[in-house]
Amino acid sequence: MTPQEIKAKVQGAYVKALENRFMQRHRSSGIYDLFRAVKLYGRDAGADFAETNLGRIVNEAAEMAGCKEASLEMLVHGWGKAALDGMAQALRDLTSLKVEVSRTTVRLVWAEANPGLV
């Protein structure tokens, strides 16, 4: 899939979920086991991890989007900062979605909160 197709898939699942105002689906992300017991250091290692596991990350993002979640948070322990940055940059390039890094969390964002609607 191209980055534009991935972005469309995830954002499309989110829009479809929002259109169904009667739907209430909640689930916890099942992506945490992907990062368990993995220690990575170096920018290339983080980028390689994102590329290798892209399908699983995209599927999890689409599932969370279908639950009206605006992002997928991936908690990463035992990685160096360069590996986190490499993974974030690879995800930006591979998905065309916004990626934020905060300490040990990488967040894949497909929708922004609209403070005017609150």
PDB file of N, CA and C in Angstrom:
ATOM      1  N   MET A   1       0.834  -1.186   0.000  1.00  0.00           N
ATOM      2  CA  MET A   1       0.000   0.000   0.000  1.00  0.00           C
ATOM      3  C   MET A   1       0.880   1.251   0.000  1.00  0.00           C
ATOM      4  N   THR A   2       0.414   2.247  -0.678  1.00  0.00           N
ATOM      5  CA  THR A   2       1.135   3.514  -0.684  1.00  0.00           C
ATOM      6  C   THR A   2       0.809   4.275   0.609  1.00  0.00           C
ATOM      7  N   PRO A   3       1.625   5.260   0.952  1.00  0.00           N
ATOM      8  CA  PRO A   3       1.307   6.066   2.131  1.00  0.00           C
ATOM      9  C   PRO A   3      -0.081   6.711   2.046  1.00  0.00           C
ATOM     10  N   GLN A   4      -0.470   7.165   0.871  1.00  0.00           N
ATOM     11  CA  GLN A   4      -1.779   7.789   0.712  1.00  0.00           C
ATOM     12  C   GLN A   4      -2.911   6.771   0.918  1.00  0.00           C
ATOM     13  N   GLU A   5      -2.718   5.540   0.465  1.00  0.00           N
ATOM     14  CA  GLU A   5      -3.729   4.497   0.666  1.00  0.00           C
ATOM     15  C   GLU A   5      -3.856   4.130   2.139  1.00  0.00           C
ATOM     16  N   ILE A   6      -2.735   4.082   2.828  1.00  0.00           N
ATOM     17  CA  ILE A   6      -2.764   3.780   4.264  1.00  0.00           C
ATOM     18  C   ILE A   6      -3.509   4.887   5.012  1.00  0.00           C
ATOM     19  N   LYS A   7      -3.158   6.126   4.712  1.00  0.00           N
ATOM     20  CA  LYS A   7      -3.822   7.265   5.359  1.00  0.00           C
ATOM     21  C   LYS A   7      -5.322   7.230   5.090  1.00  0.00           C
ATOM     22  N   ALA A   8      -5.702   6.965   3.848  1.00  0.00           N
ATOM     23  CA  ALA A   8      -7.122   6.902   3.487  1.00  0.00           C
ATOM     24  C   ALA A   8      -7.835   5.766   4.216  1.00  0.00           C
ATOM     25  N   LYS A   9      -7.174   4.636   4.366  1.00  0.00           N
ATOM     26  CA  LYS A   9      -7.773   3.485   5.058  1.00  0.00           C
ATOM     27  C   LYS A   9      -8.073   3.827   6.513  1.00  0.00           C
ATOM     28  N   VAL A  10      -7.102   4.384   7.201  1.00  0.00           N
ATOM     29  CA  VAL A  10      -7.266   4.686   8.624  1.00  0.00           C
ATOM     30  C   VAL A  10      -8.255   5.828   8.825  1.00  0.00           C
ATOM     31  N   GLN A  11      -8.097   6.907   8.072  1.00  0.00           N
ATOM     32  CA  GLN A  11      -9.016   8.033   8.213  1.00  0.00           C
ATOM     33  C   GLN A  11     -10.428   7.653   7.777  1.00  0.00           C
ATOM     34  N   GLY A  12     -10.542   6.793   6.770  1.00  0.00           N
ATOM     35  CA  GLY A  12     -11.854   6.335   6.329  1.00  0.00           C
ATOM     36  C   GLY A  12     -12.571   5.540   7.407  1.00  0.00           C
ATOM     37  N   ALA A  13     -11.841   4.689   8.121  1.00  0.00           N
ATOM     38  CA  ALA A  13     -12.437   3.925   9.224  1.00  0.00           C
ATOM     39  C   ALA A  13     -12.919   4.861  10.321  1.00  0.00           C
ATOM     40  N   TYR A  14     -12.159   5.918  10.564  1.00  0.00           N
ATOM     41  CA  TYR A  14     -12.524   6.890  11.600  1.00  0.00           C
ATOM     42  C   TYR A  14     -13.782   7.656  11.193  1.00  0.00           C
ATOM     43  N   VAL A  15     -13.829   8.140   9.968  1.00  0.00           N
ATOM     44  CA  VAL A  15     -14.991   8.893   9.488  1.00  0.00           C
ATOM     45  C   VAL A  15     -16.241   8.013   9.493  1.00  0.00           C
ATOM     46  N   LYS A  16     -16.101   6.786   9.066  1.00  0.00           N
ATOM     47  CA  LYS A  16     -17.235   5.860   9.041  1.00  0.00           C
ATOM     48  C   LYS A  16     -17.766   5.623  10.462  1.00  0.00           C
ATOM     49  N   ALA A  17     -16.848   5.474  11.406  1.00  0.00           N
ATOM     50  CA  ALA A  17     -17.265   5.266  12.793  1.00  0.00           C
ATOM     51  C   ALA A  17     -17.974   6.501  13.334  1.00  0.00           C
ATOM     52  N   LEU A  18     -17.467   7.682  13.014  1.00  0.00           N
ATOM     53  CA  LEU A  18     -18.100   8.914  13.497  1.00  0.00           C
ATOM     54  C   LEU A  18     -19.478   9.129  12.895  1.00  0.00           C
ATOM     55  N   GLU A  19     -19.673   8.689  11.654  1.00  0.00           N
ATOM     56  CA  GLU A  19     -20.970   8.856  10.991  1.00  0.00           C
ATOM     57  C   GLU A  19     -22.054   8.025  11.658  1.00  0.00           C
ATOM     58  N   ASN A  20     -21.669   6.933  12.290  1.00  0.00           N
ATOM     59  CA  ASN A  20     -22.636   6.079  12.976  1.00  0.00           C
ATOM     60  C   ASN A  20     -22.703   6.504  14.440  1.00  0.00           C
ATOM     61  N   ARG A  21     -23.549   7.468  14.728  1.00  0.00           N
ATOM     62  CA  ARG A  21     -23.591   8.026  16.079  1.00  0.00           C
ATOM     63  C   ARG A  21     -24.121   7.045  17.113  1.00  0.00           C
ATOM     64  N   PHE A  22     -24.761   5.954  16.683  1.00  0.00           N
ATOM     65  CA  PHE A  22     -25.291   4.972  17.617  1.00  0.00           C
ATOM     66  C   PHE A  22     -24.256   3.915  17.988  1.00  0.00           C
ATOM     67  N   MET A  23     -23.199   3.854  17.216  1.00  0.00           N
ATOM     68  CA  MET A  23     -22.176   2.846  17.475  1.00  0.00           C
ATOM     69  C   MET A  23     -21.311   3.262  18.653  1.00  0.00           C
ATOM     70  N   GLN A  24     -21.149   2.375  19.578  1.00  0.00           N
ATOM     71  CA  GLN A  24     -20.247   2.571  20.703  1.00  0.00           C
ATOM     72  C   GLN A  24     -19.382   1.324  20.813  1.00  0.00           C
ATOM     73  N   ARG A  25     -18.191   1.408  20.302  1.00  0.00           N
ATOM     74  CA  ARG A  25     -17.257   0.293  20.358  1.00  0.00           C
ATOM     75  C   ARG A  25     -16.026   0.745  21.114  1.00  0.00           C
ATOM     76  N   HIS A  26     -15.591  -0.057  22.031  1.00  0.00           N
ATOM     77  CA  HIS A  26     -14.371   0.247  22.764  1.00  0.00           C
ATOM     78  C   HIS A  26     -13.501  -0.994  22.771  1.00  0.00           C
ATOM     79  N   ARG A  27     -12.238  -0.767  22.668  1.00  0.00           N
ATOM     80  CA  ARG A  27     -11.303  -1.882  22.761  1.00  0.00           C
ATOM     81  C   ARG A  27      -9.962  -1.330  23.168  1.00  0.00           C
ATOM     82  N   SER A  28      -9.201  -2.175  23.799  1.00  0.00           N
ATOM     83  CA  SER A  28      -7.831  -1.815  24.142  1.00  0.00           C
ATOM     84  C   SER A  28      -6.946  -2.227  22.989  1.00  0.00           C
ATOM     85  N   SER A  29      -5.941  -1.458  22.771  1.00  0.00           N
ATOM     86  CA  SER A  29      -5.020  -1.785  21.686  1.00  0.00           C
ATOM     87  C   SER A  29      -4.292  -3.080  22.005  1.00  0.00           C
ATOM     88  N   GLY A  30      -4.170  -3.939  21.021  1.00  0.00           N
ATOM     89  CA  GLY A  30      -3.456  -5.196  21.174  1.00  0.00           C
ATOM     90  C   GLY A  30      -2.039  -5.129  20.640  1.00  0.00           C
ATOM     91  N   ILE A  31      -1.541  -3.938  20.438  1.00  0.00           N
ATOM     92  CA  ILE A  31      -0.234  -3.767  19.815  1.00  0.00           C
ATOM     93  C   ILE A  31       0.913  -3.877  20.821  1.00  0.00           C
ATOM     94  N   TYR A  32       0.611  -3.835  22.100  1.00  0.00           N
ATOM     95  CA  TYR A  32       1.668  -3.795  23.110  1.00  0.00           C
ATOM     96  C   TYR A  32       2.594  -5.002  23.079  1.00  0.00           C
ATOM     97  N   ASP A  33       2.060  -6.172  22.761  1.00  0.00           N
ATOM     98  CA  ASP A  33       2.920  -7.364  22.722  1.00  0.00           C
ATOM     99  C   ASP A  33       3.957  -7.296  21.608  1.00  0.00           C
ATOM    100  N   LEU A  34       3.728  -6.461  20.610  1.00  0.00           N
ATOM    101  CA  LEU A  34       4.689  -6.296  19.524  1.00  0.00           C
ATOM    102  C   LEU A  34       5.990  -5.688  20.041  1.00  0.00           C
ATOM    103  N   PHE A  35       5.890  -4.856  21.063  1.00  0.00           N
ATOM    104  CA  PHE A  35       7.050  -4.145  21.589  1.00  0.00           C
ATOM    105  C   PHE A  35       7.659  -4.815  22.822  1.00  0.00           C
ATOM    106  N   ARG A  36       6.968  -5.784  23.383  1.00  0.00           N
ATOM    107  CA  ARG A  36       7.432  -6.439  24.595  1.00  0.00           C
ATOM    108  C   ARG A  36       8.738  -7.176  24.324  1.00  0.00           C
ATOM    109  N   ALA A  37       9.677  -6.997  25.187  1.00  0.00           N
ATOM    110  CA  ALA A  37      10.973  -7.686  25.143  1.00  0.00           C
ATOM    111  C   ALA A  37      11.809  -7.335  23.914  1.00  0.00           C
ATOM    112  N   VAL A  38      11.520  -6.206  23.288  1.00  0.00           N
ATOM    113  CA  VAL A  38      12.327  -5.755  22.151  1.00  0.00           C
ATOM    114  C   VAL A  38      13.151  -4.557  22.603  1.00  0.00           C
ATOM    115  N   LYS A  39      14.435  -4.653  22.464  1.00  0.00           N
ATOM    116  CA  LYS A  39      15.346  -3.559  22.795  1.00  0.00           C
ATOM    117  C   LYS A  39      16.013  -3.115  21.503  1.00  0.00           C
ATOM    118  N   LEU A  40      15.871  -1.834  21.168  1.00  0.00           N
ATOM    119  CA  LEU A  40      16.462  -1.332  19.939  1.00  0.00           C
ATOM    120  C   LEU A  40      17.250  -0.058  20.205  1.00  0.00           C
ATOM    121  N   TYR A  41      18.346   0.068  19.483  1.00  0.00           N
ATOM    122  CA  TYR A  41      19.181   1.262  19.575  1.00  0.00           C
ATOM    123  C   TYR A  41      19.607   1.631  18.165  1.00  0.00           C
ATOM    124  N   GLY A  42      19.573   2.892  17.867  1.00  0.00           N
ATOM    125  CA  GLY A  42      19.983   3.374  16.554  1.00  0.00           C
ATOM    126  C   GLY A  42      18.788   3.682  15.674  1.00  0.00           C
ATOM    127  N   ARG A  43      18.921   4.755  14.934  1.00  0.00           N
ATOM    128  CA  ARG A  43      17.850   5.241  14.057  1.00  0.00           C
ATOM    129  C   ARG A  43      17.427   4.191  13.030  1.00  0.00           C
ATOM    130  N   ASP A  44      18.389   3.512  12.426  1.00  0.00           N
ATOM    131  CA  ASP A  44      18.071   2.498  11.407  1.00  0.00           C
ATOM    132  C   ASP A  44      17.288   1.335  12.000  1.00  0.00           C
ATOM    133  N   ALA A  45      17.597   0.953  13.230  1.00  0.00           N
ATOM    134  CA  ALA A  45      16.882  -0.152  13.878  1.00  0.00           C
ATOM    135  C   ALA A  45      15.412   0.203  14.073  1.00  0.00           C
ATOM    136  N   GLY A  46      15.131   1.434  14.500  1.00  0.00           N
ATOM    137  CA  GLY A  46      13.749   1.873  14.674  1.00  0.00           C
ATOM    138  C   GLY A  46      12.998   1.931  13.356  1.00  0.00           C
ATOM    139  N   ALA A  47      13.664   2.429  12.321  1.00  0.00           N
ATOM    140  CA  ALA A  47      13.036   2.506  10.994  1.00  0.00           C
ATOM    141  C   ALA A  47      12.764   1.101  10.454  1.00  0.00           C
ATOM    142  N   ASP A  48      13.712   0.199  10.618  1.00  0.00           N
ATOM    143  CA  ASP A  48      13.529  -1.180  10.156  1.00  0.00           C
ATOM    144  C   ASP A  48      12.372  -1.856  10.880  1.00  0.00           C
ATOM    145  N   PHE A  49      12.255  -1.610  12.176  1.00  0.00           N
ATOM    146  CA  PHE A  49      11.159  -2.188  12.957  1.00  0.00           C
ATOM    147  C   PHE A  49       9.813  -1.704  12.423  1.00  0.00           C
ATOM    148  N   ALA A  50       9.707  -0.406  12.143  1.00  0.00           N
ATOM    149  CA  ALA A  50       8.452   0.151  11.609  1.00  0.00           C
ATOM    150  C   ALA A  50       8.124  -0.460  10.253  1.00  0.00           C
ATOM    151  N   GLU A  51       9.117  -0.574   9.390  1.00  0.00           N
ATOM    152  CA  GLU A  51       8.884  -1.147   8.059  1.00  0.00           C
ATOM    153  C   GLU A  51       8.481  -2.613   8.147  1.00  0.00           C
ATOM    154  N   THR A  52       9.146  -3.361   9.000  1.00  0.00           N
ATOM    155  CA  THR A  52       8.864  -4.791   9.141  1.00  0.00           C
ATOM    156  C   THR A  52       7.470  -5.042   9.699  1.00  0.00           C
ATOM    157  N   ASN A  53       7.023  -4.188  10.612  1.00  0.00           N
ATOM    158  CA  ASN A  53       5.740  -4.391  11.298  1.00  0.00           C
ATOM    159  C   ASN A  53       4.653  -3.435  10.829  1.00  0.00           C
ATOM    160  N   LEU A  54       4.847  -2.818   9.678  1.00  0.00           N
ATOM    161  CA  LEU A  54       3.904  -1.817   9.193  1.00  0.00           C
ATOM    162  C   LEU A  54       2.488  -2.366   9.055  1.00  0.00           C
ATOM    163  N   GLY A  55       2.321  -3.542   8.509  1.00  0.00           N
ATOM    164  CA  GLY A  55       0.992  -4.121   8.314  1.00  0.00           C
ATOM    165  C   GLY A  55       0.236  -4.250   9.621  1.00  0.00           C
ATOM    166  N   ARG A  56       0.904  -4.742  10.641  1.00  0.00           N
ATOM    167  CA  ARG A  56       0.250  -4.906  11.945  1.00  0.00           C
ATOM    168  C   ARG A  56      -0.087  -3.552  12.564  1.00  0.00           C
ATOM    169  N   ILE A  57       0.812  -2.596  12.439  1.00  0.00           N
ATOM    170  CA  ILE A  57       0.568  -1.262  12.996  1.00  0.00           C
ATOM    171  C   ILE A  57      -0.610  -0.595  12.282  1.00  0.00           C
ATOM    172  N   VAL A  58      -0.671  -0.699  10.962  1.00  0.00           N
ATOM    173  CA  VAL A  58      -1.765  -0.093  10.189  1.00  0.00           C
ATOM    174  C   VAL A  58      -3.094  -0.768  10.527  1.00  0.00           C
ATOM    175  N   ASN A  59      -3.114  -2.081  10.627  1.00  0.00           N
ATOM    176  CA  ASN A  59      -4.353  -2.786  10.978  1.00  0.00           C
ATOM    177  C   ASN A  59      -4.841  -2.380  12.364  1.00  0.00           C
ATOM    178  N   GLU A  60      -3.910  -2.243  13.304  1.00  0.00           N
ATOM    179  CA  GLU A  60      -4.287  -1.830  14.652  1.00  0.00           C
ATOM    180  C   GLU A  60      -4.817  -0.395  14.641  1.00  0.00           C
ATOM    181  N   ALA A  61      -4.188   0.480  13.859  1.00  0.00           N
ATOM    182  CA  ALA A  61      -4.654   1.863  13.740  1.00  0.00           C
ATOM    183  C   ALA A  61      -6.065   1.902  13.163  1.00  0.00           C
ATOM    184  N   ALA A  62      -6.331   1.109  12.135  1.00  0.00           N
ATOM    185  CA  ALA A  62      -7.666   1.075  11.527  1.00  0.00           C
ATOM    186  C   ALA A  62      -8.704   0.550  12.523  1.00  0.00           C
ATOM    187  N   GLU A  63      -8.336  -0.435  13.317  1.00  0.00           N
ATOM    188  CA  GLU A  63      -9.255  -0.960  14.342  1.00  0.00           C
ATOM    189  C   GLU A  63      -9.572   0.111  15.385  1.00  0.00           C
ATOM    190  N   MET A  64      -8.554   0.818  15.833  1.00  0.00           N
ATOM    191  CA  MET A  64      -8.767   1.876  16.827  1.00  0.00           C
ATOM    192  C   MET A  64      -9.571   3.025  16.217  1.00  0.00           C
ATOM    193  N   ALA A  65      -9.319   3.357  14.960  1.00  0.00           N
ATOM    194  CA  ALA A  65     -10.092   4.399  14.278  1.00  0.00           C
ATOM    195  C   ALA A  65     -11.555   3.999  14.193  1.00  0.00           C
ATOM    196  N   GLY A  66     -11.812   2.718  13.962  1.00  0.00           N
ATOM    197  CA  GLY A  66     -13.178   2.204  13.923  1.00  0.00           C
ATOM    198  C   GLY A  66     -13.884   2.274  15.264  1.00  0.00           C
ATOM    199  N   CYS A  67     -13.138   2.500  16.321  1.00  0.00           N
ATOM    200  CA  CYS A  67     -13.695   2.675  17.668  1.00  0.00           C
ATOM    201  C   CYS A  67     -13.768   4.154  18.052  1.00  0.00           C
ATOM    202  N   LYS A  68     -13.663   5.014  17.050  1.00  0.00           N
ATOM    203  CA  LYS A  68     -13.735   6.464  17.222  1.00  0.00           C
ATOM    204  C   LYS A  68     -12.553   7.041  17.992  1.00  0.00           C
ATOM    205  N   GLU A  69     -11.447   6.350  17.992  1.00  0.00           N
ATOM    206  CA  GLU A  69     -10.225   6.863  18.597  1.00  0.00           C
ATOM    207  C   GLU A  69      -9.482   7.683  17.552  1.00  0.00           C
ATOM    208  N   ALA A  70      -8.890   8.791  17.952  1.00  0.00           N
ATOM    209  CA  ALA A  70      -8.221   9.695  17.017  1.00  0.00           C
ATOM    210  C   ALA A  70      -6.744   9.368  16.827  1.00  0.00           C
ATOM    211  N   SER A  71      -6.228   8.408  17.607  1.00  0.00           N
ATOM    212  CA  SER A  71      -4.811   8.072  17.496  1.00  0.00           C
ATOM    213  C   SER A  71      -4.554   6.681  18.064  1.00  0.00           C
ATOM    214  N   LEU A  72      -3.386   6.178  17.754  1.00  0.00           N
ATOM    215  CA  LEU A  72      -2.915   4.902  18.296  1.00  0.00           C
ATOM    216  C   LEU A  72      -1.656   5.195  19.088  1.00  0.00           C
ATOM    217  N   GLU A  73      -1.675   4.880  20.371  1.00  0.00           N
ATOM    218  CA  GLU A  73      -0.500   5.071  21.213  1.00  0.00           C
ATOM    219  C   GLU A  73       0.229   3.758  21.353  1.00  0.00           C
ATOM    220  N   MET A  74       1.518   3.807  21.073  1.00  0.00           N
ATOM    221  CA  MET A  74       2.360   2.617  21.192  1.00  0.00           C
ATOM    222  C   MET A  74       3.409   2.886  22.261  1.00  0.00           C
ATOM    223  N   LEU A  75       3.299   2.173  23.368  1.00  0.00           N
ATOM    224  CA  LEU A  75       4.219   2.328  24.479  1.00  0.00           C
ATOM    225  C   LEU A  75       5.449   1.472  24.224  1.00  0.00           C
ATOM    226  N   VAL A  76       6.598   2.113  24.203  1.00  0.00           N
ATOM    227  CA  VAL A  76       7.838   1.446  23.838  1.00  0.00           C
ATOM    228  C   VAL A  76       8.833   1.597  24.995  1.00  0.00           C
ATOM    229  N   HIS A  77       9.243   0.491  25.578  1.00  0.00           N
ATOM    230  CA  HIS A  77      10.241   0.518  26.654  1.00  0.00           C
ATOM    231  C   HIS A  77      11.517  -0.145  26.171  1.00  0.00           C
ATOM    232  N   GLY A  78      12.634   0.357  26.624  1.00  0.00           N
ATOM    233  CA  GLY A  78      13.903  -0.268  26.301  1.00  0.00           C
ATOM    234  C   GLY A  78      14.480   0.120  24.956  1.00  0.00           C
ATOM    235  N   TRP A  79      13.998   1.186  24.373  1.00  0.00           N
ATOM    236  CA  TRP A  79      14.526   1.668  23.095  1.00  0.00           C
ATOM    237  C   TRP A  79      15.322   2.932  23.348  1.00  0.00           C
ATOM    238  N   GLY A  80      16.345   3.126  22.592  1.00  0.00           N
ATOM    239  CA  GLY A  80      17.080   4.371  22.637  1.00  0.00           C
ATOM    240  C   GLY A  80      16.308   5.459  21.914  1.00  0.00           C
ATOM    241  N   LYS A  81      16.651   6.709  22.212  1.00  0.00           N
ATOM    242  CA  LYS A  81      15.969   7.846  21.585  1.00  0.00           C
ATOM    243  C   LYS A  81      16.100   7.821  20.065  1.00  0.00           C
ATOM    244  N   ALA A  82      17.275   7.438  19.574  1.00  0.00           N
ATOM    245  CA  ALA A  82      17.477   7.390  18.122  1.00  0.00           C
ATOM    246  C   ALA A  82      16.547   6.361  17.481  1.00  0.00           C
ATOM    247  N   ALA A  83      16.335   5.216  18.132  1.00  0.00           N
ATOM    248  CA  ALA A  83      15.430   4.192  17.600  1.00  0.00           C
ATOM    249  C   ALA A  83      13.991   4.701  17.568  1.00  0.00           C
ATOM    250  N   LEU A  84      13.589   5.409  18.625  1.00  0.00           N
ATOM    251  CA  LEU A  84      12.243   6.005  18.644  1.00  0.00           C
ATOM    252  C   LEU A  84      12.084   7.017  17.515  1.00  0.00           C
ATOM    253  N   ASP A  85      13.086   7.856  17.349  1.00  0.00           N
ATOM    254  CA  ASP A  85      13.031   8.858  16.279  1.00  0.00           C
ATOM    255  C   ASP A  85      13.020   8.206  14.901  1.00  0.00           C
ATOM    256  N   GLY A  86      13.797   7.135  14.734  1.00  0.00           N
ATOM    257  CA  GLY A  86      13.815   6.421  13.459  1.00  0.00           C
ATOM    258  C   GLY A  86      12.475   5.790  13.144  1.00  0.00           C
ATOM    259  N   MET A  87      11.845   5.199  14.167  1.00  0.00           N
ATOM    260  CA  MET A  87      10.526   4.600  13.970  1.00  0.00           C
ATOM    261  C   MET A  87       9.504   5.681  13.623  1.00  0.00           C
ATOM    262  N   ALA A  88       9.550   6.802  14.336  1.00  0.00           N
ATOM    263  CA  ALA A  88       8.605   7.887  14.081  1.00  0.00           C
ATOM    264  C   ALA A  88       8.749   8.424  12.660  1.00  0.00           C
ATOM    265  N   GLN A  89       9.973   8.650  12.223  1.00  0.00           N
ATOM    266  CA  GLN A  89      10.180   9.177  10.873  1.00  0.00           C
ATOM    267  C   GLN A  89       9.732   8.171   9.817  1.00  0.00           C
ATOM    268  N   ALA A  90      10.016   6.893  10.036  1.00  0.00           N
ATOM    269  CA  ALA A  90       9.585   5.864   9.089  1.00  0.00           C
ATOM    270  C   ALA A  90       8.067   5.809   9.013  1.00  0.00           C
ATOM    271  N   LEU A  91       7.392   5.909  10.160  1.00  0.00           N
ATOM    272  CA  LEU A  91       5.928   5.891  10.158  1.00  0.00           C
ATOM    273  C   LEU A  91       5.356   7.121   9.454  1.00  0.00           C
ATOM    274  N   ARG A  92       5.990   8.265   9.626  1.00  0.00           N
ATOM    275  CA  ARG A  92       5.552   9.467   8.895  1.00  0.00           C
ATOM    276  C   ARG A  92       5.656   9.230   7.388  1.00  0.00           C
ATOM    277  N   ASP A  93       6.794   8.700   6.974  1.00  0.00           N
ATOM    278  CA  ASP A  93       7.039   8.484   5.548  1.00  0.00           C
ATOM    279  C   ASP A  93       6.142   7.396   4.970  1.00  0.00           C
ATOM    280  N   LEU A  94       5.913   6.330   5.735  1.00  0.00           N
ATOM    281  CA  LEU A  94       5.176   5.170   5.231  1.00  0.00           C
ATOM    282  C   LEU A  94       3.664   5.324   5.288  1.00  0.00           C
ATOM    283  N   THR A  95       3.165   6.205   6.178  1.00  0.00           N
ATOM    284  CA  THR A  95       1.713   6.319   6.351  1.00  0.00           C
ATOM    285  C   THR A  95       1.148   7.687   5.982  1.00  0.00           C
ATOM    286  N   SER A  96       1.980   8.685   5.838  1.00  0.00           N
ATOM    287  CA  SER A  96       1.534  10.071   5.605  1.00  0.00           C
ATOM    288  C   SER A  96       0.682  10.604   6.744  1.00  0.00           C
ATOM    289  N   LEU A  97       0.772   9.983   7.915  1.00  0.00           N
ATOM    290  CA  LEU A  97       0.032  10.443   9.086  1.00  0.00           C
ATOM    291  C   LEU A  97       0.973  11.192  10.023  1.00  0.00           C
ATOM    292  N   LYS A  98       0.396  11.967  10.910  1.00  0.00           N
ATOM    293  CA  LYS A  98       1.178  12.683  11.914  1.00  0.00           C
ATOM    294  C   LYS A  98       1.670  11.683  12.962  1.00  0.00           C
ATOM    295  N   VAL A  99       2.916  11.820  13.368  1.00  0.00           N
ATOM    296  CA  VAL A  99       3.494  10.953  14.390  1.00  0.00           C
ATOM    297  C   VAL A  99       4.126  11.833  15.454  1.00  0.00           C
ATOM    298  N   GLU A 100       3.770  11.572  16.702  1.00  0.00           N
ATOM    299  CA  GLU A 100       4.326  12.314  17.825  1.00  0.00           C
ATOM    300  C   GLU A 100       5.103  11.356  18.719  1.00  0.00           C
ATOM    301  N   VAL A 101       6.209  11.838  19.272  1.00  0.00           N
ATOM    302  CA  VAL A 101       7.012  11.038  20.195  1.00  0.00           C
ATOM    303  C   VAL A 101       7.098  11.787  21.514  1.00  0.00           C
ATOM    304  N   SER A 102       6.769  11.103  22.587  1.00  0.00           N
ATOM    305  CA  SER A 102       6.847  11.679  23.918  1.00  0.00           C
ATOM    306  C   SER A 102       7.430  10.630  24.848  1.00  0.00           C
ATOM    307  N   ARG A 103       8.672  10.820  25.215  1.00  0.00           N
ATOM    308  CA  ARG A 103       9.405   9.901  26.084  1.00  0.00           C
ATOM    309  C   ARG A 103       9.374   8.474  25.549  1.00  0.00           C
ATOM    310  N   THR A 104       8.511   7.614  26.078  1.00  0.00           N
ATOM    311  CA  THR A 104       8.468   6.219  25.638  1.00  0.00           C
ATOM    312  C   THR A 104       7.189   5.894  24.871  1.00  0.00           C
ATOM    313  N   THR A 105       6.512   6.910  24.372  1.00  0.00           N
ATOM    314  CA  THR A 105       5.271   6.699  23.630  1.00  0.00           C
ATOM    315  C   THR A 105       5.390   7.267  22.225  1.00  0.00           C
ATOM    316  N   VAL A 106       5.020   6.452  21.264  1.00  0.00           N
ATOM    317  CA  VAL A 106       4.931   6.898  19.880  1.00  0.00           C
ATOM    318  C   VAL A 106       3.443   6.916  19.543  1.00  0.00           C
ATOM    319  N   ARG A 107       2.945   8.056  19.110  1.00  0.00           N
ATOM    320  CA  ARG A 107       1.519   8.215  18.827  1.00  0.00           C
ATOM    321  C   ARG A 107       1.331   8.459  17.341  1.00  0.00           C
ATOM    322  N   LEU A 108       0.516   7.618  16.721  1.00  0.00           N
ATOM    323  CA  LEU A 108       0.139   7.757  15.317  1.00  0.00           C
ATOM    324  C   LEU A 108      -1.220   8.452  15.303  1.00  0.00           C
ATOM    325  N   VAL A 109      -1.267   9.666  14.742  1.00  0.00           N
ATOM    326  CA  VAL A 109      -2.472  10.506  14.822  1.00  0.00           C
ATOM    327  C   VAL A 109      -3.109  10.636  13.439  1.00  0.00           C
ATOM    328  N   TRP A 110      -4.409  10.374  13.367  1.00  0.00           N
ATOM    329  CA  TRP A 110      -5.135  10.517  12.094  1.00  0.00           C
ATOM    330  C   TRP A 110      -6.260  11.530  12.189  1.00  0.00           C
ATOM    331  N   ALA A 111      -6.541  12.040  13.367  1.00  0.00           N
ATOM    332  CA  ALA A 111      -7.569  13.066  13.523  1.00  0.00           C
ATOM    333  C   ALA A 111      -7.172  13.971  14.685  1.00  0.00           C
ATOM    334  N   GLU A 112      -7.473  15.250  14.542  1.00  0.00           N
ATOM    335  CA  GLU A 112      -7.169  16.225  15.586  1.00  0.00           C
ATOM    336  C   GLU A 112      -8.456  16.578  16.303  1.00  0.00           C
ATOM    337  N   ALA A 113      -8.359  16.787  17.598  1.00  0.00           N
ATOM    338  CA  ALA A 113      -9.517  17.232  18.357  1.00  0.00           C
ATOM    339  C   ALA A 113      -9.892  18.631  17.916  1.00  0.00           C
ATOM    340  N   ASN A 114     -11.172  18.897  17.840  1.00  0.00           N
ATOM    341  CA  ASN A 114     -11.669  20.213  17.446  1.00  0.00           C
ATOM    342  C   ASN A 114     -12.237  20.893  18.683  1.00  0.00           C
ATOM    343  N   PRO A 115     -11.460  21.799  19.325  1.00  0.00           N
ATOM    344  CA  PRO A 115     -11.930  22.424  20.560  1.00  0.00           C
ATOM    345  C   PRO A 115     -13.213  23.225  20.392  1.00  0.00           C
ATOM    346  N   GLY A 116     -13.526  23.650  19.188  1.00  0.00           N
ATOM    347  CA  GLY A 116     -14.753  24.406  18.955  1.00  0.00           C
ATOM    348  C   GLY A 116     -16.013  23.583  19.080  1.00  0.00           C
ATOM    349  N   LEU A 117     -15.884  22.254  19.041  1.00  0.00           N
ATOM    350  CA  LEU A 117     -17.057  21.384  19.127  1.00  0.00           C
ATOM    351  C   LEU A 117     -17.353  20.921  20.528  1.00  0.00           C
ATOM    352  N   VAL A 118     -16.503  21.243  21.471  1.00  0.00           N
ATOM    353  CA  VAL A 118     -16.688  20.763  22.842  1.00  0.00           C
ATOM    354  C   VAL A 118     -17.696  21.595  23.563  1.00  0.00           C
TER     355      VAL A 118
END
